C-alpha atoms as a PDB file:
ATOM      1  CA  UNK A   1      -0.213  -0.099  -0.113  1.00  0.00           C
ATOM      2  CA  UNK A   2       1.318   3.685  -0.954  1.00  0.00           C
ATOM      3  CA  UNK A   3      -0.145   6.851  -0.329  1.00  0.00           C
ATOM      4  CA  UNK A   4       1.008  10.341  -0.992  1.00  0.00           C
ATOM      5  CA  UNK A   5      -0.067  13.615   0.921  1.00  0.00           C
ATOM      6  CA  UNK A   6       0.584  17.204   0.465  1.00  0.00           C
ATOM      7  CA  UNK A   7      -0.329  20.341   2.345  1.00  0.00           C
ATOM      8  CA  UNK A   8      -1.408  22.911  -0.045  1.00  0.00           C
ATOM      9  CA  UNK A   9       0.476  26.481  -0.150  1.00  0.00           C
ATOM     10  CA  UNK A  10      -2.787  27.940  -0.608  1.00  0.00           C
ATOM     11  CA  UNK A  11      -5.308  26.995   1.961  1.00  0.00           C
ATOM     12  CA  UNK A  12      -8.649  25.652   0.005  1.00  0.00           C
ATOM     13  CA  UNK A  13      -6.671  24.837  -3.381  1.00  0.00           C
ATOM     14  CA  UNK A  14      -5.063  21.596  -4.189  1.00  0.00           C
ATOM     15  CA  UNK A  15      -2.142  22.441  -5.741  1.00  0.00           C
ATOM     16  CA  UNK A  16       1.245  23.136  -4.921  1.00  0.00           C
ATOM     17  CA  UNK A  17       2.827  22.262  -1.740  1.00  0.00           C
ATOM     18  CA  UNK A  18       4.875  20.004   0.929  1.00  0.00           C
ATOM     19  CA  UNK A  19       4.123  16.326   0.194  1.00  0.00           C
ATOM     20  CA  UNK A  20       4.892  13.540   2.139  1.00  0.00           C
ATOM     21  CA  UNK A  21       4.734   9.785   1.305  1.00  0.00           C
ATOM     22  CA  UNK A  22       3.494   6.715   3.193  1.00  0.00           C
ATOM     23  CA  UNK A  23       4.339   2.978   2.366  1.00  0.00           C
ATOM     24  CA  UNK A  24       3.580  -0.150   3.810  1.00  0.00           C
ATOM     25  CA  UNK A  25       4.898  -3.346   3.163  1.00  0.00           C
ATOM     26  CA  UNK A  26       3.197  -6.651   4.383  1.00  0.00           C
ATOM     27  CA  UNK A  27       5.296  -9.990   4.841  1.00  0.00           C
ATOM     28  CA  UNK A  28       7.517  -8.890   6.229  1.00  0.00           C
ATOM     29  CA  UNK A  29       6.638  -5.610   7.573  1.00  0.00           C
ATOM     30  CA  UNK A  30       8.262  -2.202   6.542  1.00  0.00           C
ATOM     31  CA  UNK A  31       6.197   1.422   6.677  1.00  0.00           C
ATOM     32  CA  UNK A  32       7.954   4.481   5.426  1.00  0.00           C
ATOM     33  CA  UNK A  33       6.937   7.966   6.323  1.00  0.00           C
ATOM     34  CA  UNK A  34       8.679  10.553   5.008  1.00  0.00           C
ATOM     35  CA  UNK A  35       8.538  14.067   3.833  1.00  0.00           C
ATOM     36  CA  UNK A  36       9.581  14.647   0.238  1.00  0.00           C
ATOM     37  CA  UNK A  37       9.678  18.203   0.118  1.00  0.00           C
ATOM     38  CA  UNK A  38       7.393  20.519  -2.327  1.00  0.00           C
ATOM     39  CA  UNK A  39       5.474  18.325  -5.018  1.00  0.00           C
ATOM     40  CA  UNK A  40       3.613  20.438  -7.748  1.00  0.00           C
ATOM     41  CA  UNK A  41       0.585  18.435  -7.261  1.00  0.00           C
ATOM     42  CA  UNK A  42      -0.486  15.379  -4.832  1.00  0.00           C
ATOM     43  CA  UNK A  43      -0.266  13.030  -8.253  1.00  0.00           C
ATOM     44  CA  UNK A  44       3.620  13.806  -8.121  1.00  0.00           C
ATOM     45  CA  UNK A  45       3.420  12.554  -4.029  1.00  0.00           C
ATOM     46  CA  UNK A  46       1.767   9.743  -5.049  1.00  0.00           C
ATOM     47  CA  UNK A  47       4.029   8.903  -7.716  1.00  0.00           C
ATOM     48  CA  UNK A  48       7.165   9.266  -5.407  1.00  0.00           C
ATOM     49  CA  UNK A  49       5.079   6.766  -2.894  1.00  0.00           C
ATOM     50  CA  UNK A  50       4.967   4.302  -5.335  1.00  0.00           C
ATOM     51  CA  UNK A  51       8.164   4.419  -6.541  1.00  0.00           C
ATOM     52  CA  UNK A  52       9.430   4.231  -2.591  1.00  0.00           C
ATOM     53  CA  UNK A  53       7.877   1.424  -2.346  1.00  0.00           C
ATOM     54  CA  UNK A  54       8.558  -0.547  -5.423  1.00  0.00           C
ATOM     55  CA  UNK A  55      12.840   0.484  -4.294  1.00  0.00           C
ATOM     56  CA  UNK A  56      11.871  -1.172  -0.827  1.00  0.00           C
ATOM     57  CA  UNK A  57      10.490  -4.553  -2.004  1.00  0.00           C
ATOM     58  CA  UNK A  58      13.018  -5.031  -4.515  1.00  0.00           C
ATOM     59  CA  UNK A  59      15.531  -3.965  -1.955  1.00  0.00           C
ATOM     60  CA  UNK A  60      13.967  -6.792  -0.068  1.00  0.00           C
ATOM     61  CA  UNK A  61      14.276  -9.635  -2.547  1.00  0.00           C
ATOM     62  CA  UNK A  62      10.277  -9.533  -3.135  1.00  0.00           C
ATOM     63  CA  UNK A  63       9.926 -10.790  -6.744  1.00  0.00           C
ATOM     64  CA  UNK A  64       5.680 -11.152  -6.039  1.00  0.00           C
ATOM     65  CA  UNK A  65       3.676  -8.029  -5.077  1.00  0.00           C
ATOM     66  CA  UNK A  66       0.086  -6.671  -5.159  1.00  0.00           C
ATOM     67  CA  UNK A  67       0.568  -2.566  -4.755  1.00  0.00           C
ATOM     68  CA  UNK A  68      -2.271  -1.062  -3.622  1.00  0.00           C
ATOM     69  CA  UNK A  69      -3.441   2.764  -4.571  1.00  0.00           C
ATOM     70  CA  UNK A  70      -6.121   4.788  -3.978  1.00  0.00           C
ATOM     71  CA  UNK A  71      -5.248   7.312  -6.943  1.00  0.00           C
ATOM     72  CA  UNK A  72      -7.436   6.092  -9.962  1.00  0.00           C
ATOM     73  CA  UNK A  73      -5.365   8.026 -12.054  1.00  0.00           C
ATOM     74  CA  UNK A  74      -2.182   6.124 -11.015  1.00  0.00           C
ATOM     75  CA  UNK A  75      -3.494   2.787 -11.716  1.00  0.00           C
ATOM     76  CA  UNK A  76      -5.308   3.076 -14.749  1.00  0.00           C
ATOM     77  CA  UNK A  77      -1.755   4.603 -16.234  1.00  0.00           C
ATOM     78  CA  UNK A  78      -0.191   2.209 -14.874  1.00  0.00           C
ATOM     79  CA  UNK A  79      -2.298  -0.078 -16.554  1.00  0.00           C
ATOM     80  CA  UNK A  80      -1.891   1.098 -19.827  1.00  0.00           C
ATOM     81  CA  UNK A  81      -5.731   2.611 -19.589  1.00  0.00           C
ATOM     82  CA  UNK A  82      -4.806   6.140 -19.720  1.00  0.00           C
ATOM     83  CA  UNK A  83      -2.243   8.034 -20.935  1.00  0.00           C
ATOM     84  CA  UNK A  84       0.325  10.501 -18.887  1.00  0.00           C
ATOM     85  CA  UNK A  85      -0.530  13.650 -20.072  1.00  0.00           C
ATOM     86  CA  UNK A  86       1.119  16.041 -17.170  1.00  0.00           C
ATOM     87  CA  UNK A  87       4.671  16.769 -17.860  1.00  0.00           C
ATOM     88  CA  UNK A  88       5.307  16.672 -14.211  1.00  0.00           C
ATOM     89  CA  UNK A  89       4.401  13.475 -13.900  1.00  0.00           C
ATOM     90  CA  UNK A  90       6.053  11.820 -17.292  1.00  0.00           C
ATOM     91  CA  UNK A  91       9.627  11.038 -15.828  1.00  0.00           C
ATOM     92  CA  UNK A  92       8.313   9.560 -12.788  1.00  0.00           C
ATOM     93  CA  UNK A  93       5.390   7.328 -14.949  1.00  0.00           C
ATOM     94  CA  UNK A  94       8.684   6.045 -16.426  1.00  0.00           C
ATOM     95  CA  UNK A  95      10.652   5.292 -13.417  1.00  0.00           C
ATOM     96  CA  UNK A  96       7.997   3.575 -11.822  1.00  0.00           C
ATOM     97  CA  UNK A  97       7.350   1.541 -14.907  1.00  0.00           C
ATOM     98  CA  UNK A  98      10.721   0.785 -15.131  1.00  0.00           C
ATOM     99  CA  UNK A  99      10.474  -0.512 -11.573  1.00  0.00           C
ATOM    100  CA  UNK A 100       7.255  -2.543 -12.304  1.00  0.00           C
ATOM    101  CA  UNK A 101       9.374  -4.490 -14.742  1.00  0.00           C
ATOM    102  CA  UNK A 102      11.668  -6.076 -12.591  1.00  0.00           C
ATOM    103  CA  UNK A 103       9.497  -7.733 -11.024  1.00  0.00           C
ATOM    104  CA  UNK A 104       8.187 -11.271 -12.130  1.00  0.00           C
ATOM    105  CA  UNK A 105       4.635 -11.118 -10.874  1.00  0.00           C
ATOM    106  CA  UNK A 106       2.988  -8.020  -9.672  1.00  0.00           C
ATOM    107  CA  UNK A 107      -0.730  -6.386  -9.563  1.00  0.00           C
ATOM    108  CA  UNK A 108      -1.599  -2.663  -9.314  1.00  0.00           C
ATOM    109  CA  UNK A 109      -5.460  -2.513  -8.117  1.00  0.00           C
ATOM    110  CA  UNK A 110      -7.346   0.571  -6.873  1.00  0.00           C
ATOM    111  CA  UNK A 111      -8.717   0.193  -3.399  1.00  0.00           C
ATOM    112  CA  UNK A 112     -10.928   2.998  -1.851  1.00  0.00           C
ATOM    113  CA  UNK A 113      -9.212   5.512   0.722  1.00  0.00           C
ATOM    114  CA  UNK A 114     -10.289   4.060   3.497  1.00  0.00           C
ATOM    115  CA  UNK A 115      -9.063   0.748   2.713  1.00  0.00           C
ATOM    116  CA  UNK A 116      -5.723   2.308   2.234  1.00  0.00           C
ATOM    117  CA  UNK A 117      -5.891   3.853   5.536  1.00  0.00           C
ATOM    118  CA  UNK A 118      -2.316   2.536   6.627  1.00  0.00           C
ATOM    119  CA  UNK A 119      -0.722   4.190   4.119  1.00  0.00           C
ATOM    120  CA  UNK A 120      -2.708   7.345   4.222  1.00  0.00           C
ATOM    121  CA  UNK A 121      -2.305   7.648   7.940  1.00  0.00           C
ATOM    122  CA  UNK A 122       2.133   7.466   7.149  1.00  0.00           C
ATOM    123  CA  UNK A 123       1.610  10.059   4.522  1.00  0.00           C
ATOM    124  CA  UNK A 124      -0.108  12.445   6.694  1.00  0.00           C
ATOM    125  CA  UNK A 125       1.874  12.428   9.930  1.00  0.00           C
ATOM    126  CA  UNK A 126       4.746  14.047   8.778  1.00  0.00           C
ATOM    127  CA  UNK A 127       2.640  16.774   7.322  1.00  0.00           C
ATOM    128  CA  UNK A 128       0.340  17.354  10.520  1.00  0.00           C
ATOM    129  CA  UNK A 129       3.120  20.416  11.960  1.00  0.00           C
ATOM    130  CA  UNK A 130       1.625  22.062   8.717  1.00  0.00           C
ATOM    131  CA  UNK A 131      -1.640  21.928   8.344  1.00  0.00           C
ATOM    132  CA  UNK A 132      -3.623  24.719   9.236  1.00  0.00           C
ATOM    133  CA  UNK A 133      -4.863  24.634  12.792  1.00  0.00           C
ATOM    134  CA  UNK A 134      -9.187  24.812  12.499  1.00  0.00           C
ATOM    135  CA  UNK A 135     -10.546  27.846  14.090  1.00  0.00           C
ATOM    136  CA  UNK A 136     -11.807  27.060  17.876  1.00  0.00           C
ATOM    137  CA  UNK A 137     -15.523  27.212  18.024  1.00  0.00           C
ATOM    138  CA  UNK A 138     -17.833  29.195  20.102  1.00  0.00           C
ATOM    139  CA  UNK A 139     -17.639  27.121  23.208  1.00  0.00           C
ATOM    140  CA  UNK A 140     -13.919  26.699  23.067  1.00  0.00           C
ATOM    141  CA  UNK A 141     -13.213  30.214  23.282  1.00  0.00           C
ATOM    142  CA  UNK A 142     -11.938  31.645  26.485  1.00  0.00           C
ATOM    143  CA  UNK A 143     -14.548  33.619  28.898  1.00  0.00           C
ATOM    144  CA  UNK A 144     -13.302  37.149  29.439  1.00  0.00           C
END
């Protein structure tokens, strides 16, 4: 399971910002949670998480792998159902495809966000301090 997260530079917009990745390898268990710095959009973070996960699996000698992503765009691009149109994704896609070809048996599948909660939590953790704090409700304001 992999996931990428981003905190937008401009609140309320899903564009560029600080990004992080989350990767969960099972059997044997390994969890990766890292900030990756600025990213142009959340798809960049998703690809970077996938690449990091594939590299980790290869370094452990894993040859058979099932990859679960909650990004339909990446799954469709990696399975050849969609073309990669965004320029910032093309080199990441090429790198991912190159890594995918190194596995004897690999399946890349989409899962709903709820089924990817472990990787999502790992991607969110390093971004926590960057997320805007919610405004207190009227009940939480101090009495004067």
